[in-house]
């Protein structure tokens, strides 16, 4: 069966309610489910396969506006702006890429800085490829005609 992890980091399956899943490997979670099912089933065998991952809310990178596929992405170590753009399929024809910005929370204070998506994508200007951080929001505005 397919079971989503709820926002509180727990899962519920038949016979097993509110089992913590967040922060565990698939093997650890499978052993926990087996342990909980052992009350009802002799020697249960459980396999957990992760089909999708977004990560904890405060570690997601969110892309909004004129991205081809706006979405929340899981943060990965050493992730760059180019990695984010590849994951969302680039920007639309209506995007004002060089007017895009990243909103970042630093010590509880929100800071916004400009990024140059058109320079990065169309001109290959790697100086525009800035590092991303957990919790960043990439805002891609629509261009004016």
Protein backbone atom coordinates (compact mmCIF):
# COMPACT_ATOMS: atom_id res chain seq x y z
CA UNK A 1 0.00 0.00 0.00
CA UNK A 2 1.05 3.60 -0.45
CA UNK A 3 1.08 5.67 2.73
CA UNK A 4 1.94 9.38 2.85
CA UNK A 5 3.93 10.87 5.68
CA UNK A 6 1.72 13.50 7.32
CA UNK A 7 2.96 17.03 8.06
CA UNK A 8 3.50 15.97 11.69
CA UNK A 9 6.06 13.38 10.46
CA UNK A 10 3.94 10.31 11.26
CA UNK A 11 2.26 7.59 9.22
CA UNK A 12 -0.86 5.51 9.78
CA UNK A 13 -1.44 2.06 8.31
CA UNK A 14 -4.01 -0.63 9.05
CA UNK A 15 -3.32 -1.92 12.58
CA UNK A 16 -0.57 0.66 13.13
CA UNK A 17 -1.55 4.19 14.05
CA UNK A 18 0.59 7.30 14.41
CA UNK A 19 4.02 5.78 13.90
CA UNK A 20 6.85 8.38 13.67
CA UNK A 21 8.49 8.22 10.23
CA UNK A 22 10.32 11.52 9.86
CA UNK A 23 14.11 11.30 10.13
CA UNK A 24 14.23 7.51 9.72
CA UNK A 25 15.67 5.41 6.93
CA UNK A 26 13.34 3.08 5.05
CA UNK A 27 14.91 0.09 6.86
CA UNK A 28 14.43 1.66 10.28
CA UNK A 29 10.81 2.43 9.49
CA UNK A 30 10.21 -1.12 8.21
CA UNK A 31 11.57 -2.57 11.48
CA UNK A 32 9.33 -0.22 13.48
CA UNK A 33 6.26 -1.30 11.49
CA UNK A 34 7.20 -4.96 11.93
CA UNK A 35 7.52 -4.44 15.67
CA UNK A 36 4.09 -2.77 15.85
CA UNK A 37 2.48 -5.48 13.67
CA UNK A 38 3.98 -8.29 15.78
CA UNK A 39 1.08 -7.78 18.21
CA UNK A 40 -1.30 -8.98 15.50
CA UNK A 41 0.79 -11.02 13.00
CA UNK A 42 3.44 -13.65 13.70
CA UNK A 43 6.81 -12.66 12.25
CA UNK A 44 5.61 -9.91 9.89
CA UNK A 45 7.90 -8.93 7.02
CA UNK A 46 7.67 -5.30 5.90
CA UNK A 47 9.48 -3.52 3.07
CA UNK A 48 9.40 0.27 2.81
CA UNK A 49 10.11 1.93 -0.52
CA UNK A 50 10.29 5.72 -0.65
CA UNK A 51 8.48 6.93 -3.77
CA UNK A 52 8.84 10.67 -3.24
CA UNK A 53 10.59 13.04 -0.91
CA UNK A 54 10.17 16.74 -0.25
CA UNK A 55 11.76 17.02 3.18
CA UNK A 56 10.84 18.98 6.26
CA UNK A 57 9.06 22.25 5.54
CA UNK A 58 11.91 24.43 6.82
CA UNK A 59 14.41 22.65 4.55
CA UNK A 60 12.40 22.83 1.32
CA UNK A 61 13.28 25.18 -1.50
CA UNK A 62 10.09 26.62 -2.93
CA UNK A 63 9.85 27.97 -6.47
CA UNK A 64 6.92 30.23 -7.28
CA UNK A 65 5.85 32.35 -10.23
CA UNK A 66 6.85 31.78 -13.84
CA UNK A 67 8.70 28.47 -13.47
CA UNK A 68 7.73 25.72 -15.91
CA UNK A 69 6.69 23.57 -12.91
CA UNK A 70 6.48 25.67 -9.70
CA UNK A 71 6.98 23.36 -6.72
CA UNK A 72 8.67 22.65 -3.42
CA UNK A 73 11.95 20.77 -3.73
CA UNK A 74 13.98 18.89 -1.16
CA UNK A 75 17.22 20.68 -0.31
CA UNK A 76 20.38 18.77 -1.18
CA UNK A 77 23.87 19.59 0.01
CA UNK A 78 25.70 22.08 -2.24
CA UNK A 79 22.53 22.80 -4.25
CA UNK A 80 22.82 25.74 -6.63
CA UNK A 81 20.37 27.96 -8.49
CA UNK A 82 21.09 25.94 -11.66
CA UNK A 83 20.09 22.72 -9.85
CA UNK A 84 16.80 24.32 -8.82
CA UNK A 85 16.06 25.52 -12.36
CA UNK A 86 16.75 22.07 -13.79
CA UNK A 87 14.39 20.49 -11.25
CA UNK A 88 11.51 22.86 -12.12
CA UNK A 89 12.03 22.59 -15.88
CA UNK A 90 13.36 26.12 -16.37
CA UNK A 91 11.31 29.26 -16.75
CA UNK A 92 8.32 30.07 -18.97
CA UNK A 93 8.39 32.31 -22.04
CA UNK A 94 6.58 34.94 -19.97
CA UNK A 95 9.15 35.06 -17.15
CA UNK A 96 11.23 38.10 -16.32
CA UNK A 97 14.23 35.96 -15.38
CA UNK A 98 16.64 38.78 -14.60
CA UNK A 99 14.10 40.30 -12.19
CA UNK A 100 13.84 37.10 -10.15
CA UNK A 101 14.78 37.06 -6.49
CA UNK A 102 15.55 34.69 -3.65
CA UNK A 103 13.95 35.26 -0.26
CA UNK A 104 16.09 33.84 2.53
CA UNK A 105 15.54 33.78 6.27
CA UNK A 106 18.72 34.57 8.20
CA UNK A 107 18.48 34.52 12.01
CA UNK A 108 14.72 35.07 11.82
CA UNK A 109 15.06 38.06 9.47
CA UNK A 110 13.89 37.76 5.87
CA UNK A 111 16.31 39.05 3.25
CA UNK A 112 15.66 39.32 -0.47
CA UNK A 113 18.35 39.43 -3.13
CA UNK A 114 18.21 39.57 -6.91
CA UNK A 115 19.24 36.68 -9.15
CA UNK A 116 19.81 36.77 -12.91
CA UNK A 117 18.09 33.71 -14.37
CA UNK A 118 18.24 34.82 -18.02
CA UNK A 119 21.97 35.46 -17.77
CA UNK A 120 22.46 32.01 -16.28
CA UNK A 121 20.17 30.06 -18.62
CA UNK A 122 20.52 31.89 -21.94
CA UNK A 123 24.03 33.36 -21.71
CA UNK A 124 25.69 30.65 -19.61
CA UNK A 125 26.94 33.24 -17.10
CA UNK A 126 28.05 30.95 -14.27
CA UNK A 127 28.63 33.94 -11.97
CA UNK A 128 24.81 34.07 -11.74
CA UNK A 129 24.73 30.51 -10.36
CA UNK A 130 24.38 31.28 -6.64
CA UNK A 131 24.27 28.68 -3.87
CA UNK A 132 20.83 27.87 -2.46
CA UNK A 133 20.08 27.27 1.22
CA UNK A 134 17.39 25.28 3.02
CA UNK A 135 14.18 27.31 3.27
CA UNK A 136 14.93 29.59 0.29
CA UNK A 137 12.06 30.81 -1.87
CA UNK A 138 12.80 31.57 -5.53
CA UNK A 139 10.34 34.13 -6.91
CA UNK A 140 10.15 34.40 -10.72
CA UNK A 141 7.99 37.33 -11.80
CA UNK A 142 6.08 37.72 -15.05
CA UNK A 143 7.53 40.09 -17.64
CA UNK A 144 5.73 43.22 -18.76
CA UNK A 145 4.96 43.41 -22.45
